[in-house]
PDB file of all heavy atoms in Angstrom:
ATOM      1  N   VAL A   1    -149.408   7.276 -79.962  1.00  0.00           N
ATOM      2  CA  VAL A   1    -150.149   6.206 -79.319  1.00  0.00           C
ATOM      3  C   VAL A   1    -151.589   6.308 -79.783  1.00  0.00           C
ATOM      4  O   VAL A   1    -152.227   7.360 -79.642  1.00  0.00           O
ATOM      5  CB  VAL A   1    -150.068   6.307 -77.785  1.00  0.00           C
ATOM      6  CG1 VAL A   1    -151.021   5.312 -77.125  1.00  0.00           C
ATOM      7  CG2 VAL A   1    -148.643   6.048 -77.313  1.00  0.00           C
ATOM      8  N   VAL A   2    -152.089   5.227 -80.356  1.00  0.00           N
ATOM      9  CA  VAL A   2    -153.450   5.210 -80.882  1.00  0.00           C
ATOM     10  C   VAL A   2    -154.374   4.638 -79.817  1.00  0.00           C
ATOM     11  O   VAL A   2    -154.217   3.488 -79.399  1.00  0.00           O
ATOM     12  CB  VAL A   2    -153.539   4.365 -82.165  1.00  0.00           C
ATOM     13  CG1 VAL A   2    -154.966   4.385 -82.713  1.00  0.00           C
ATOM     14  CG2 VAL A   2    -152.560   4.891 -83.214  1.00  0.00           C
ATOM     15  N   LEU A   3    -155.323   5.459 -79.383  1.00  0.00           N
ATOM     16  CA  LEU A   3    -156.304   5.039 -78.387  1.00  0.00           C
ATOM     17  C   LEU A   3    -157.577   4.632 -79.114  1.00  0.00           C
ATOM     18  O   LEU A   3    -158.247   5.458 -79.736  1.00  0.00           O
ATOM     19  CB  LEU A   3    -156.582   6.182 -77.408  1.00  0.00           C
ATOM     20  CG  LEU A   3    -157.549   5.876 -76.260  1.00  0.00           C
ATOM     21  CD1 LEU A   3    -156.929   4.879 -75.292  1.00  0.00           C
ATOM     22  CD2 LEU A   3    -157.930   7.160 -75.523  1.00  0.00           C
ATOM     23  N   SER A   4    -157.917   3.352 -79.034  1.00  0.00           N
ATOM     24  CA  SER A   4    -159.083   2.831 -79.745  1.00  0.00           C
ATOM     25  C   SER A   4    -160.013   2.121 -78.778  1.00  0.00           C
ATOM     26  O   SER A   4    -159.647   1.850 -77.632  1.00  0.00           O
ATOM     27  CB  SER A   4    -158.643   1.865 -80.852  1.00  0.00           C
ATOM     28  OG  SER A   4    -157.952   0.761 -80.292  1.00  0.00           O
ATOM     29  N   GLY A   5    -161.227   1.807 -79.267  1.00  0.00           N
ATOM     30  CA  GLY A   5    -162.193   1.087 -78.453  1.00  0.00           C
ATOM     31  C   GLY A   5    -163.359   1.966 -78.063  1.00  0.00           C
ATOM     32  O   GLY A   5    -163.657   2.983 -78.708  1.00  0.00           O
ATOM     33  N   THR A   6    -164.035   1.588 -76.982  1.00  0.00           N
ATOM     34  CA  THR A   6    -165.216   2.329 -76.534  1.00  0.00           C
ATOM     35  C   THR A   6    -165.181   2.567 -75.038  1.00  0.00           C
ATOM     36  O   THR A   6    -164.548   1.822 -74.286  1.00  0.00           O
ATOM     37  CB  THR A   6    -166.507   1.557 -76.875  1.00  0.00           C
ATOM     38  OG1 THR A   6    -166.492   0.292 -76.194  1.00  0.00           O
ATOM     39  CG2 THR A   6    -166.649   1.335 -78.365  1.00  0.00           C
ATOM     40  N   ILE A   7    -165.887   3.627 -74.624  1.00  0.00           N
ATOM     41  CA  ILE A   7    -166.058   3.939 -73.212  1.00  0.00           C
ATOM     42  C   ILE A   7    -167.484   4.448 -73.030  1.00  0.00           C
ATOM     43  O   ILE A   7    -167.973   5.244 -73.850  1.00  0.00           O
ATOM     44  CB  ILE A   7    -165.021   4.971 -72.735  1.00  0.00           C
ATOM     45  CG1 ILE A   7    -165.188   5.251 -71.235  1.00  0.00           C
ATOM     46  CG2 ILE A   7    -165.081   6.244 -73.541  1.00  0.00           C
ATOM     47  CD1 ILE A   7    -164.057   6.097 -70.653  1.00  0.00           C
ATOM     48  N   PRO A   8    -168.202   3.989 -72.006  1.00  0.00           N
ATOM     49  CA  PRO A   8    -169.580   4.440 -71.814  1.00  0.00           C
ATOM     50  C   PRO A   8    -169.682   5.944 -71.552  1.00  0.00           C
ATOM     51  O   PRO A   8    -168.737   6.578 -71.065  1.00  0.00           O
ATOM     52  CB  PRO A   8    -170.048   3.643 -70.592  1.00  0.00           C
ATOM     53  CG  PRO A   8    -169.179   2.425 -70.577  1.00  0.00           C
ATOM     54  CD  PRO A   8    -167.847   2.909 -71.072  1.00  0.00           C
ATOM     55  N   VAL A   9    -170.832   6.503 -71.855  1.00  0.00           N
ATOM     56  CA  VAL A   9    -171.103   7.919 -71.638  1.00  0.00           C
ATOM     57  C   VAL A   9    -170.804   8.302 -70.189  1.00  0.00           C
ATOM     58  O   VAL A   9    -171.242   7.646 -69.240  1.00  0.00           O
ATOM     59  CB  VAL A   9    -172.581   8.237 -71.960  1.00  0.00           C
ATOM     60  CG1 VAL A   9    -172.935   9.646 -71.500  1.00  0.00           C
ATOM     61  CG2 VAL A   9    -172.860   8.094 -73.447  1.00  0.00           C
ATOM     62  N   GLY A  10    -169.990   9.354 -70.022  1.00  0.00           N
ATOM     63  CA  GLY A  10    -169.702   9.892 -68.700  1.00  0.00           C
ATOM     64  C   GLY A  10    -168.760   9.072 -67.843  1.00  0.00           C
ATOM     65  O   GLY A  10    -168.446   9.458 -66.713  1.00  0.00           O
ATOM     66  N   ASP A  11    -168.279   7.944 -68.350  1.00  0.00           N
ATOM     67  CA  ASP A  11    -167.391   7.094 -67.561  1.00  0.00           C
ATOM     68  C   ASP A  11    -165.954   7.611 -67.631  1.00  0.00           C
ATOM     69  O   ASP A  11    -165.603   8.414 -68.502  1.00  0.00           O
ATOM     70  CB  ASP A  11    -167.447   5.657 -68.076  1.00  0.00           C
ATOM     71  CG  ASP A  11    -167.115   4.637 -66.998  1.00  0.00           C
ATOM     72  OD1 ASP A  11    -166.592   5.054 -65.947  1.00  0.00           O
ATOM     73  OD2 ASP A  11    -167.369   3.436 -67.200  1.00  0.00           O
ATOM     74  N   THR A  12    -165.122   7.159 -66.709  1.00  0.00           N
ATOM     75  CA  THR A  12    -163.702   7.509 -66.702  1.00  0.00           C
ATOM     76  C   THR A  12    -162.879   6.258 -66.462  1.00  0.00           C
ATOM     77  O   THR A  12    -163.328   5.320 -65.789  1.00  0.00           O
ATOM     78  CB  THR A  12    -163.364   8.531 -65.600  1.00  0.00           C
ATOM     79  OG1 THR A  12    -163.662   7.953 -64.324  1.00  0.00           O
ATOM     80  CG2 THR A  12    -164.162   9.805 -65.776  1.00  0.00           C
ATOM     81  N   THR A  13    -161.682   6.234 -67.013  1.00  0.00           N
ATOM     82  CA  THR A  13    -160.766   5.124 -66.776  1.00  0.00           C
ATOM     83  C   THR A  13    -159.346   5.583 -67.072  1.00  0.00           C
ATOM     84  O   THR A  13    -159.129   6.655 -67.643  1.00  0.00           O
ATOM     85  CB  THR A  13    -161.123   3.902 -67.659  1.00  0.00           C
ATOM     86  OG1 THR A  13    -160.386   2.755 -67.210  1.00  0.00           O
ATOM     87  CG2 THR A  13    -160.777   4.151 -69.119  1.00  0.00           C
ATOM     88  N   THR A  14    -158.382   4.778 -66.679  1.00  0.00           N
ATOM     89  CA  THR A  14    -156.971   5.067 -66.931  1.00  0.00           C
ATOM     90  C   THR A  14    -156.333   3.876 -67.631  1.00  0.00           C
ATOM     91  O   THR A  14    -156.515   2.727 -67.205  1.00  0.00           O
ATOM     92  CB  THR A  14    -156.224   5.362 -65.620  1.00  0.00           C
ATOM     93  OG1 THR A  14    -156.798   6.526 -65.004  1.00  0.00           O
ATOM     94  CG2 THR A  14    -154.753   5.620 -65.880  1.00  0.00           C
ATOM     95  N   VAL A  15    -155.593   4.154 -68.681  1.00  0.00           N
ATOM     96  CA  VAL A  15    -154.907   3.130 -69.467  1.00  0.00           C
ATOM     97  C   VAL A  15    -153.411   3.388 -69.392  1.00  0.00           C
ATOM     98  O   VAL A  15    -152.971   4.535 -69.549  1.00  0.00           O
ATOM     99  CB  VAL A  15    -155.378   3.149 -70.940  1.00  0.00           C
ATOM    100  CG1 VAL A  15    -154.652   2.079 -71.752  1.00  0.00           C
ATOM    101  CG2 VAL A  15    -156.885   2.974 -71.029  1.00  0.00           C
ATOM    102  N   GLU A  16    -152.632   2.355 -69.133  1.00  0.00           N
ATOM    103  CA  GLU A  16    -151.175   2.491 -69.114  1.00  0.00           C
ATOM    104  C   GLU A  16    -150.599   2.178 -70.489  1.00  0.00           C
ATOM    105  O   GLU A  16    -151.097   1.292 -71.194  1.00  0.00           O
ATOM    106  CB  GLU A  16    -150.557   1.536 -68.084  1.00  0.00           C
ATOM    107  CG  GLU A  16    -150.883   1.897 -66.650  1.00  0.00           C
ATOM    108  CD  GLU A  16    -150.235   0.951 -65.664  1.00  0.00           C
ATOM    109  OE1 GLU A  16    -149.738  -0.116 -66.098  1.00  0.00           O
ATOM    110  OE2 GLU A  16    -150.214   1.264 -64.461  1.00  0.00           O
ATOM    111  N   VAL A  17    -149.536   2.878 -70.850  1.00  0.00           N
ATOM    112  CA  VAL A  17    -148.826   2.592 -72.092  1.00  0.00           C
ATOM    113  C   VAL A  17    -147.335   2.769 -71.845  1.00  0.00           C
ATOM    114  O   VAL A  17    -146.905   3.751 -71.236  1.00  0.00           O
ATOM    115  CB  VAL A  17    -149.312   3.504 -73.243  1.00  0.00           C
ATOM    116  CG1 VAL A  17    -149.100   4.981 -72.922  1.00  0.00           C
ATOM    117  CG2 VAL A  17    -148.620   3.140 -74.559  1.00  0.00           C
ATOM    118  N   THR A  18    -146.540   1.793 -72.263  1.00  0.00           N
ATOM    119  CA  THR A  18    -145.091   1.887 -72.084  1.00  0.00           C
ATOM    120  C   THR A  18    -144.485   2.722 -73.202  1.00  0.00           C
ATOM    121  O   THR A  18    -145.046   2.851 -74.292  1.00  0.00           O
ATOM    122  CB  THR A  18    -144.451   0.489 -72.067  1.00  0.00           C
ATOM    123  OG1 THR A  18    -144.766  -0.198 -73.293  1.00  0.00           O
ATOM    124  CG2 THR A  18    -144.967  -0.326 -70.891  1.00  0.00           C
ATOM    125  N   PHE A  19    -143.316   3.293 -72.912  1.00  0.00           N
ATOM    126  CA  PHE A  19    -142.634   4.125 -73.894  1.00  0.00           C
ATOM    127  C   PHE A  19    -141.861   3.249 -74.870  1.00  0.00           C
ATOM    128  O   PHE A  19    -141.158   2.321 -74.459  1.00  0.00           O
ATOM    129  CB  PHE A  19    -141.668   5.095 -73.213  1.00  0.00           C
ATOM    130  CG  PHE A  19    -142.325   6.042 -72.246  1.00  0.00           C
ATOM    131  CD1 PHE A  19    -141.824   6.210 -70.963  1.00  0.00           C
ATOM    132  CD2 PHE A  19    -143.442   6.766 -72.629  1.00  0.00           C
ATOM    133  CE1 PHE A  19    -142.412   7.093 -70.073  1.00  0.00           C
ATOM    134  CE2 PHE A  19    -144.043   7.653 -71.747  1.00  0.00           C
ATOM    135  CZ  PHE A  19    -143.532   7.816 -70.466  1.00  0.00           C
ATOM    136  N   ARG A  20    -141.979   3.584 -76.139  1.00  0.00           N
ATOM    137  CA  ARG A  20    -141.173   2.885 -77.141  1.00  0.00           C
ATOM    138  C   ARG A  20    -139.700   3.230 -76.974  1.00  0.00           C
ATOM    139  O   ARG A  20    -138.822   2.389 -77.111  1.00  0.00           O
ATOM    140  CB  ARG A  20    -141.654   3.280 -78.545  1.00  0.00           C
ATOM    141  CG  ARG A  20    -140.922   2.570 -79.672  1.00  0.00           C
ATOM    142  CD  ARG A  20    -141.413   3.056 -81.017  1.00  0.00           C
ATOM    143  NE  ARG A  20    -141.161   4.488 -81.197  1.00  0.00           N
ATOM    144  CZ  ARG A  20    -141.418   5.143 -82.322  1.00  0.00           C
ATOM    145  NH1 ARG A  20    -141.952   4.512 -83.348  1.00  0.00           N
ATOM    146  NH2 ARG A  20    -141.161   6.439 -82.406  1.00  0.00           N
ATOM    147  N   ASP A  21    -139.418   4.509 -76.660  1.00  0.00           N
ATOM    148  CA  ASP A  21    -138.051   4.983 -76.445  1.00  0.00           C
ATOM    149  C   ASP A  21    -138.060   5.749 -75.121  1.00  0.00           C
ATOM    150  O   ASP A  21    -138.589   6.865 -75.040  1.00  0.00           O
ATOM    151  CB  ASP A  21    -137.625   5.892 -77.598  1.00  0.00           C
ATOM    152  CG  ASP A  21    -136.172   6.352 -77.500  1.00  0.00           C
ATOM    153  OD1 ASP A  21    -135.664   6.500 -76.365  1.00  0.00           O
ATOM    154  OD2 ASP A  21    -135.543   6.583 -78.550  1.00  0.00           O
ATOM    155  N   VAL A  22    -137.475   5.156 -74.079  1.00  0.00           N
ATOM    156  CA  VAL A  22    -137.576   5.760 -72.741  1.00  0.00           C
ATOM    157  C   VAL A  22    -136.751   7.036 -72.618  1.00  0.00           C
ATOM    158  O   VAL A  22    -137.130   7.959 -71.890  1.00  0.00           O
ATOM    159  CB  VAL A  22    -137.176   4.741 -71.650  1.00  0.00           C
ATOM    160  CG1 VAL A  22    -138.246   3.682 -71.520  1.00  0.00           C
ATOM    161  CG2 VAL A  22    -135.831   4.097 -71.933  1.00  0.00           C
ATOM    162  N   SER A  23    -135.622   7.127 -73.312  1.00  0.00           N
ATOM    163  CA  SER A  23    -134.847   8.374 -73.279  1.00  0.00           C
ATOM    164  C   SER A  23    -135.615   9.503 -73.951  1.00  0.00           C
ATOM    165  O   SER A  23    -135.599  10.654 -73.488  1.00  0.00           O
ATOM    166  CB  SER A  23    -133.496   8.181 -73.972  1.00  0.00           C
ATOM    167  OG  SER A  23    -132.637   7.374 -73.196  1.00  0.00           O
ATOM    168  N   GLU A  24    -136.299   9.193 -75.048  1.00  0.00           N
ATOM    169  CA  GLU A  24    -137.117  10.198 -75.730  1.00  0.00           C
ATOM    170  C   GLU A  24    -138.195  10.733 -74.793  1.00  0.00           C
ATOM    171  O   GLU A  24    -138.490  11.929 -74.773  1.00  0.00           O
ATOM    172  CB  GLU A  24    -137.757   9.595 -76.974  1.00  0.00           C
ATOM    173  CG  GLU A  24    -138.639  10.571 -77.743  1.00  0.00           C
ATOM    174  CD  GLU A  24    -139.426   9.906 -78.861  1.00  0.00           C
ATOM    175  OE1 GLU A  24    -139.504   8.661 -78.883  1.00  0.00           O
ATOM    176  OE2 GLU A  24    -139.981  10.645 -79.704  1.00  0.00           O
ATOM    177  N   ALA A  25    -138.779   9.849 -73.984  1.00  0.00           N
ATOM    178  CA  ALA A  25    -139.820  10.273 -73.045  1.00  0.00           C
ATOM    179  C   ALA A  25    -139.250  11.240 -72.005  1.00  0.00           C
ATOM    180  O   ALA A  25    -139.877  12.253 -71.665  1.00  0.00           O
ATOM    181  CB  ALA A  25    -140.429   9.052 -72.365  1.00  0.00           C
ATOM    182  N   TYR A  26    -138.065  10.947 -71.494  1.00  0.00           N
ATOM    183  CA  TYR A  26    -137.408  11.818 -70.512  1.00  0.00           C
ATOM    184  C   TYR A  26    -137.153  13.196 -71.122  1.00  0.00           C
ATOM    185  O   TYR A  26    -137.455  14.231 -70.511  1.00  0.00           O
ATOM    186  CB  TYR A  26    -136.094  11.174 -70.067  1.00  0.00           C
ATOM    187  CG  TYR A  26    -135.397  11.853 -68.920  1.00  0.00           C
ATOM    188  CD1 TYR A  26    -135.370  11.277 -67.660  1.00  0.00           C
ATOM    189  CD2 TYR A  26    -134.739  13.062 -69.089  1.00  0.00           C
ATOM    190  CE1 TYR A  26    -134.707  11.891 -66.592  1.00  0.00           C
ATOM    191  CE2 TYR A  26    -134.083  13.688 -68.040  1.00  0.00           C
ATOM    192  CZ  TYR A  26    -134.070  13.090 -66.795  1.00  0.00           C
ATOM    193  OH  TYR A  26    -133.416  13.697 -65.751  1.00  0.00           O
ATOM    194  N   LEU A  27    -136.588  13.211 -72.333  1.00  0.00           N
ATOM    195  CA  LEU A  27    -136.239  14.473 -72.974  1.00  0.00           C
ATOM    196  C   LEU A  27    -137.491  15.279 -73.308  1.00  0.00           C
ATOM    197  O   LEU A  27    -137.503  16.503 -73.179  1.00  0.00           O
ATOM    198  CB  LEU A  27    -135.426  14.204 -74.237  1.00  0.00           C
ATOM    199  CG  LEU A  27    -134.068  13.514 -74.002  1.00  0.00           C
ATOM    200  CD1 LEU A  27    -133.428  13.140 -75.332  1.00  0.00           C
ATOM    201  CD2 LEU A  27    -133.139  14.412 -73.190  1.00  0.00           C
ATOM    202  N   ALA A  28    -138.567  14.601 -73.721  1.00  0.00           N
ATOM    203  CA  ALA A  28    -139.815  15.306 -74.021  1.00  0.00           C
ATOM    204  C   ALA A  28    -140.391  15.941 -72.760  1.00  0.00           C
ATOM    205  O   ALA A  28    -140.899  17.068 -72.792  1.00  0.00           O
ATOM    206  CB  ALA A  28    -140.824  14.329 -74.636  1.00  0.00           C
ATOM    207  N   ALA A  29    -140.320  15.224 -71.644  1.00  0.00           N
ATOM    208  CA  ALA A  29    -140.811  15.779 -70.381  1.00  0.00           C
ATOM    209  C   ALA A  29    -139.965  16.969 -69.944  1.00  0.00           C
ATOM    210  O   ALA A  29    -140.491  17.970 -69.420  1.00  0.00           O
ATOM    211  CB  ALA A  29    -140.811  14.691 -69.308  1.00  0.00           C
ATOM    212  N   LEU A  30    -138.636  16.892 -70.148  1.00  0.00           N
ATOM    213  CA  LEU A  30    -137.776  18.024 -69.805  1.00  0.00           C
ATOM    214  C   LEU A  30    -138.085  19.228 -70.686  1.00  0.00           C
ATOM    215  O   LEU A  30    -138.153  20.366 -70.194  1.00  0.00           O
ATOM    216  CB  LEU A  30    -136.309  17.617 -69.946  1.00  0.00           C
ATOM    217  CG  LEU A  30    -135.286  18.718 -69.681  1.00  0.00           C
ATOM    218  CD1 LEU A  30    -135.448  19.312 -68.281  1.00  0.00           C
ATOM    219  CD2 LEU A  30    -133.858  18.192 -69.876  1.00  0.00           C
ATOM    220  N   ARG A  31    -138.297  19.004 -71.996  1.00  0.00           N
ATOM    221  CA  ARG A  31    -138.672  20.117 -72.878  1.00  0.00           C
ATOM    222  C   ARG A  31    -139.964  20.771 -72.388  1.00  0.00           C
ATOM    223  O   ARG A  31    -140.098  22.002 -72.396  1.00  0.00           O
ATOM    224  CB  ARG A  31    -138.877  19.608 -74.313  1.00  0.00           C
ATOM    225  CG  ARG A  31    -137.617  19.265 -75.062  1.00  0.00           C
ATOM    226  CD  ARG A  31    -137.912  19.014 -76.530  1.00  0.00           C
ATOM    227  NE  ARG A  31    -136.881  18.179 -77.127  1.00  0.00           N
ATOM    228  CZ  ARG A  31    -136.969  16.869 -77.295  1.00  0.00           C
ATOM    229  NH1 ARG A  31    -138.065  16.228 -76.903  1.00  0.00           N
ATOM    230  NH2 ARG A  31    -135.987  16.201 -77.845  1.00  0.00           N
ATOM    231  N   GLU A  32    -140.912  19.938 -71.983  1.00  0.00           N
ATOM    232  CA  GLU A  32    -142.181  20.476 -71.475  1.00  0.00           C
ATOM    233  C   GLU A  32    -141.943  21.362 -70.257  1.00  0.00           C
ATOM    234  O   GLU A  32    -142.517  22.453 -70.149  1.00  0.00           O
ATOM    235  CB  GLU A  32    -143.117  19.325 -71.124  1.00  0.00           C
ATOM    236  CG  GLU A  32    -144.446  19.765 -70.534  1.00  0.00           C
ATOM    237  CD  GLU A  32    -145.336  18.598 -70.179  1.00  0.00           C
ATOM    238  OE1 GLU A  32    -145.524  17.703 -71.032  1.00  0.00           O
ATOM    239  OE2 GLU A  32    -145.853  18.567 -69.033  1.00  0.00           O
ATOM    240  N   ALA A  33    -141.096  20.912 -69.334  1.00  0.00           N
ATOM    241  CA  ALA A  33    -140.802  21.701 -68.135  1.00  0.00           C
ATOM    242  C   ALA A  33    -140.116  23.014 -68.500  1.00  0.00           C
ATOM    243  O   ALA A  33    -140.411  24.070 -67.909  1.00  0.00           O
ATOM    244  CB  ALA A  33    -139.925  20.889 -67.183  1.00  0.00           C
ATOM    245  N   LEU A  34    -139.208  22.983 -69.481  1.00  0.00           N
ATOM    246  CA  LEU A  34    -138.520  24.194 -69.913  1.00  0.00           C
ATOM    247  C   LEU A  34    -139.496  25.188 -70.531  1.00  0.00           C
ATOM    248  O   LEU A  34    -139.486  26.384 -70.205  1.00  0.00           O
ATOM    249  CB  LEU A  34    -137.418  23.841 -70.913  1.00  0.00           C
ATOM    250  CG  LEU A  34    -136.228  23.031 -70.386  1.00  0.00           C
ATOM    251  CD1 LEU A  34    -135.327  22.596 -71.526  1.00  0.00           C
ATOM    252  CD2 LEU A  34    -135.435  23.824 -69.352  1.00  0.00           C
ATOM    253  N   VAL A  35    -140.342  24.683 -71.425  1.00  0.00           N
ATOM    254  CA  VAL A  35    -141.304  25.558 -72.107  1.00  0.00           C
ATOM    255  C   VAL A  35    -142.293  26.151 -71.117  1.00  0.00           C
ATOM    256  O   VAL A  35    -142.627  27.340 -71.182  1.00  0.00           O
ATOM    257  CB  VAL A  35    -142.024  24.781 -73.228  1.00  0.00           C
ATOM    258  CG1 VAL A  35    -143.176  25.606 -73.792  1.00  0.00           C
ATOM    259  CG2 VAL A  35    -141.048  24.422 -74.336  1.00  0.00           C
ATOM    260  N   ASP A  36    -142.758  25.330 -70.182  1.00  0.00           N
ATOM    261  CA  ASP A  36    -143.690  25.836 -69.170  1.00  0.00           C
ATOM    262  C   ASP A  36    -143.057  26.950 -68.342  1.00  0.00           C
ATOM    263  O   ASP A  36    -143.763  27.849 -67.858  1.00  0.00           O
ATOM    264  CB  ASP A  36    -144.145  24.698 -68.252  1.00  0.00           C
ATOM    265  CG  ASP A  36    -145.153  23.767 -68.917  1.00  0.00           C
ATOM    266  OD1 ASP A  36    -145.638  24.106 -70.021  1.00  0.00           O
ATOM    267  OD2 ASP A  36    -145.446  22.705 -68.336  1.00  0.00           O
ATOM    268  N   ARG A  37    -141.748  26.890 -68.170  1.00  0.00           N
ATOM    269  CA  ARG A  37    -141.053  27.920 -67.385  1.00  0.00           C
ATOM    270  C   ARG A  37    -140.744  29.155 -68.215  1.00  0.00           C
ATOM    271  O   ARG A  37    -140.319  30.184 -67.684  1.00  0.00           O
ATOM    272  CB  ARG A  37    -139.744  27.332 -66.812  1.00  0.00           C
ATOM    273  CG  ARG A  37    -139.065  28.231 -65.793  1.00  0.00           C
ATOM    274  CD  ARG A  37    -139.958  28.423 -64.582  1.00  0.00           C
ATOM    275  NE  ARG A  37    -139.381  29.310 -63.577  1.00  0.00           N
ATOM    276  CZ  ARG A  37    -139.500  30.637 -63.580  1.00  0.00           C
ATOM    277  NH1 ARG A  37    -140.153  31.241 -64.582  1.00  0.00           N
ATOM    278  NH2 ARG A  37    -138.998  31.374 -62.609  1.00  0.00           N
ATOM    279  N   GLY A  38    -140.936  29.056 -69.537  1.00  0.00           N
ATOM    280  CA  GLY A  38    -140.682  30.209 -70.398  1.00  0.00           C
ATOM    281  C   GLY A  38    -139.405  30.114 -71.194  1.00  0.00           C
ATOM    282  O   GLY A  38    -138.998  31.093 -71.832  1.00  0.00           O
TER     283      GLY A  38
END
């Protein structure tokens, strides 16, 4: 996901992005949980 554009100094914001492949997103999150657990 390419994040482009500008944001003022010290500001914060949240941007939503949909998954191109929703199953891939699920599996990536599960891998993250497994790795975090060791």
